[in-house]
Amino acid sequence: MPSLTAKELTALEDTLGSEQNLVKKFQALASLCNDTKIRAELEGMAQVHQKHVNALAQFLQ
C-alpha cells in the first residue's frame, strides 16, 4: 500500500463505506422492483459501485 496520511486513509475508508452502502441500496431497490428494465438498471448501478468497492479495497491492501 502506498504511504498515506491519516487524513487520506480516513477519506478512503469513508468512501469505501459509502460505496458499500450504495451497493446494498441498489441491490435492495432492484429486489423490490417489478419492472424488469428498471430492475436491470438498478442492478447495473450496484455492479458499478461494487467495482468501486473492489478497487478501493485492493488499493487499501
N, C-alpha and C. Protein backbone atom coordinates (compact mmCIF):
# COMPACT_ATOMS: atom_id res chain seq x y z
N MET A 1 0.86 -1.18 0.00
CA MET A 1 0.00 0.00 0.00
C MET A 1 0.90 1.24 0.00
N PRO A 2 0.53 2.23 -0.80
CA PRO A 2 1.30 3.47 -0.80
C PRO A 2 1.21 4.15 0.56
N SER A 3 2.19 4.98 0.82
CA SER A 3 2.20 5.71 2.08
C SER A 3 1.12 6.80 2.05
N LEU A 4 0.18 6.70 2.98
CA LEU A 4 -0.93 7.65 3.04
C LEU A 4 -0.92 8.36 4.38
N THR A 5 -1.38 9.60 4.37
CA THR A 5 -1.55 10.30 5.63
C THR A 5 -2.79 9.75 6.31
N ALA A 6 -2.91 10.03 7.59
CA ALA A 6 -4.09 9.58 8.34
C ALA A 6 -5.36 10.16 7.74
N LYS A 7 -5.30 11.41 7.29
CA LYS A 7 -6.47 12.06 6.70
C LYS A 7 -6.86 11.38 5.38
N GLU A 8 -5.88 11.03 4.56
CA GLU A 8 -6.16 10.36 3.30
C GLU A 8 -6.74 8.96 3.54
N LEU A 9 -6.19 8.26 4.50
CA LEU A 9 -6.68 6.93 4.83
C LEU A 9 -8.12 6.99 5.32
N THR A 10 -8.42 7.96 6.17
CA THR A 10 -9.78 8.13 6.67
C THR A 10 -10.74 8.45 5.53
N ALA A 11 -10.32 9.30 4.62
CA ALA A 11 -11.16 9.66 3.48
C ALA A 11 -11.44 8.44 2.60
N LEU A 12 -10.42 7.63 2.36
CA LEU A 12 -10.61 6.42 1.56
C LEU A 12 -11.52 5.42 2.25
N GLU A 13 -11.36 5.27 3.55
CA GLU A 13 -12.22 4.35 4.30
C GLU A 13 -13.67 4.84 4.29
N ASP A 14 -13.87 6.15 4.42
CA ASP A 14 -15.22 6.71 4.35
C ASP A 14 -15.83 6.48 2.98
N THR A 15 -15.04 6.68 1.95
CA THR A 15 -15.52 6.46 0.58
C THR A 15 -15.87 5.00 0.36
N LEU A 16 -15.04 4.11 0.88
CA LEU A 16 -15.31 2.68 0.77
C LEU A 16 -16.64 2.34 1.43
N GLY A 17 -16.88 2.87 2.61
CA GLY A 17 -18.14 2.64 3.31
C GLY A 17 -19.33 3.18 2.53
N SER A 18 -19.17 4.34 1.95
CA SER A 18 -20.25 4.93 1.16
C SER A 18 -20.56 4.08 -0.07
N GLU A 19 -19.53 3.60 -0.72
CA GLU A 19 -19.72 2.75 -1.89
C GLU A 19 -20.40 1.44 -1.50
N GLN A 20 -20.01 0.86 -0.38
CA GLN A 20 -20.65 -0.37 0.09
C GLN A 20 -22.13 -0.14 0.37
N ASN A 21 -22.46 1.01 0.96
CA ASN A 21 -23.86 1.35 1.21
C ASN A 21 -24.64 1.49 -0.09
N LEU A 22 -24.03 2.10 -1.09
CA LEU A 22 -24.70 2.25 -2.38
C LEU A 22 -24.98 0.89 -3.02
N VAL A 23 -24.03 -0.02 -2.93
CA VAL A 23 -24.24 -1.37 -3.47
C VAL A 23 -25.45 -2.00 -2.80
N LYS A 24 -25.50 -1.95 -1.48
CA LYS A 24 -26.61 -2.55 -0.74
C LYS A 24 -27.94 -1.90 -1.10
N LYS A 25 -27.96 -0.58 -1.20
CA LYS A 25 -29.20 0.14 -1.52
C LYS A 25 -29.71 -0.20 -2.91
N PHE A 26 -28.80 -0.20 -3.91
CA PHE A 26 -29.23 -0.51 -5.26
C PHE A 26 -29.69 -1.95 -5.38
N GLN A 27 -29.02 -2.87 -4.68
CA GLN A 27 -29.46 -4.26 -4.70
C GLN A 27 -30.83 -4.41 -4.05
N ALA A 28 -31.04 -3.71 -2.94
CA ALA A 28 -32.34 -3.79 -2.25
C ALA A 28 -33.44 -3.21 -3.13
N LEU A 29 -33.18 -2.08 -3.75
CA LEU A 29 -34.18 -1.48 -4.63
C LEU A 29 -34.49 -2.38 -5.82
N ALA A 30 -33.46 -2.99 -6.39
CA ALA A 30 -33.67 -3.89 -7.52
C ALA A 30 -34.53 -5.08 -7.12
N SER A 31 -34.33 -5.59 -5.93
CA SER A 31 -35.10 -6.75 -5.49
C SER A 31 -36.57 -6.41 -5.28
N LEU A 32 -36.87 -5.14 -5.04
CA LEU A 32 -38.25 -4.71 -4.82
C LEU A 32 -38.95 -4.28 -6.10
N CYS A 33 -38.19 -4.14 -7.17
CA CYS A 33 -38.72 -3.58 -8.41
C CYS A 33 -39.36 -4.66 -9.28
N ASN A 34 -40.56 -4.39 -9.75
CA ASN A 34 -41.27 -5.32 -10.63
C ASN A 34 -40.99 -5.07 -12.11
N ASP A 35 -40.58 -3.87 -12.45
CA ASP A 35 -40.28 -3.52 -13.84
C ASP A 35 -38.89 -4.05 -14.19
N THR A 36 -38.82 -4.95 -15.17
CA THR A 36 -37.55 -5.61 -15.49
C THR A 36 -36.49 -4.64 -16.01
N LYS A 37 -36.92 -3.63 -16.74
CA LYS A 37 -35.99 -2.65 -17.29
C LYS A 37 -35.36 -1.82 -16.16
N ILE A 38 -36.19 -1.38 -15.25
CA ILE A 38 -35.69 -0.59 -14.12
C ILE A 38 -34.84 -1.47 -13.21
N ARG A 39 -35.28 -2.71 -12.99
CA ARG A 39 -34.50 -3.64 -12.16
C ARG A 39 -33.10 -3.84 -12.74
N ALA A 40 -33.03 -4.00 -14.05
CA ALA A 40 -31.74 -4.19 -14.71
C ALA A 40 -30.85 -2.95 -14.53
N GLU A 41 -31.43 -1.77 -14.63
CA GLU A 41 -30.66 -0.54 -14.43
C GLU A 41 -30.13 -0.46 -13.00
N LEU A 42 -30.97 -0.79 -12.03
CA LEU A 42 -30.55 -0.75 -10.63
C LEU A 42 -29.45 -1.78 -10.36
N GLU A 43 -29.59 -2.96 -10.92
CA GLU A 43 -28.56 -3.99 -10.77
C GLU A 43 -27.25 -3.55 -11.41
N GLY A 44 -27.36 -2.86 -12.54
CA GLY A 44 -26.16 -2.33 -13.20
C GLY A 44 -25.47 -1.28 -12.34
N MET A 45 -26.26 -0.44 -11.68
CA MET A 45 -25.69 0.57 -10.79
C MET A 45 -25.00 -0.10 -9.61
N ALA A 46 -25.60 -1.14 -9.09
CA ALA A 46 -24.99 -1.89 -7.98
C ALA A 46 -23.65 -2.47 -8.42
N GLN A 47 -23.59 -2.99 -9.64
CA GLN A 47 -22.34 -3.57 -10.15
C GLN A 47 -21.25 -2.52 -10.31
N VAL A 48 -21.62 -1.34 -10.79
CA VAL A 48 -20.65 -0.26 -10.94
C VAL A 48 -20.05 0.10 -9.58
N HIS A 49 -20.91 0.23 -8.58
CA HIS A 49 -20.42 0.60 -7.26
C HIS A 49 -19.65 -0.55 -6.60
N GLN A 50 -19.99 -1.79 -6.95
CA GLN A 50 -19.21 -2.93 -6.44
C GLN A 50 -17.80 -2.90 -7.02
N LYS A 51 -17.67 -2.48 -8.27
CA LYS A 51 -16.34 -2.34 -8.87
C LYS A 51 -15.53 -1.28 -8.12
N HIS A 52 -16.20 -0.20 -7.72
CA HIS A 52 -15.54 0.84 -6.93
C HIS A 52 -15.07 0.27 -5.60
N VAL A 53 -15.94 -0.50 -4.95
CA VAL A 53 -15.59 -1.14 -3.67
C VAL A 53 -14.36 -2.02 -3.85
N ASN A 54 -14.38 -2.85 -4.88
CA ASN A 54 -13.26 -3.76 -5.13
C ASN A 54 -11.95 -3.00 -5.38
N ALA A 55 -12.03 -1.92 -6.15
CA ALA A 55 -10.83 -1.14 -6.46
C ALA A 55 -10.28 -0.47 -5.20
N LEU A 56 -11.17 0.10 -4.39
CA LEU A 56 -10.72 0.74 -3.16
C LEU A 56 -10.14 -0.27 -2.18
N ALA A 57 -10.78 -1.41 -2.06
CA ALA A 57 -10.30 -2.44 -1.15
C ALA A 57 -8.93 -2.96 -1.60
N GLN A 58 -8.76 -3.13 -2.88
CA GLN A 58 -7.47 -3.58 -3.41
C GLN A 58 -6.40 -2.53 -3.14
N PHE A 59 -6.74 -1.27 -3.33
CA PHE A 59 -5.79 -0.19 -3.10
C PHE A 59 -5.37 -0.13 -1.64
N LEU A 60 -6.29 -0.41 -0.74
CA LEU A 60 -6.01 -0.31 0.69
C LEU A 60 -5.24 -1.52 1.24
N GLN A 61 -5.10 -2.57 0.45
CA GLN A 61 -4.38 -3.77 0.93
C GLN A 61 -2.90 -3.55 0.93
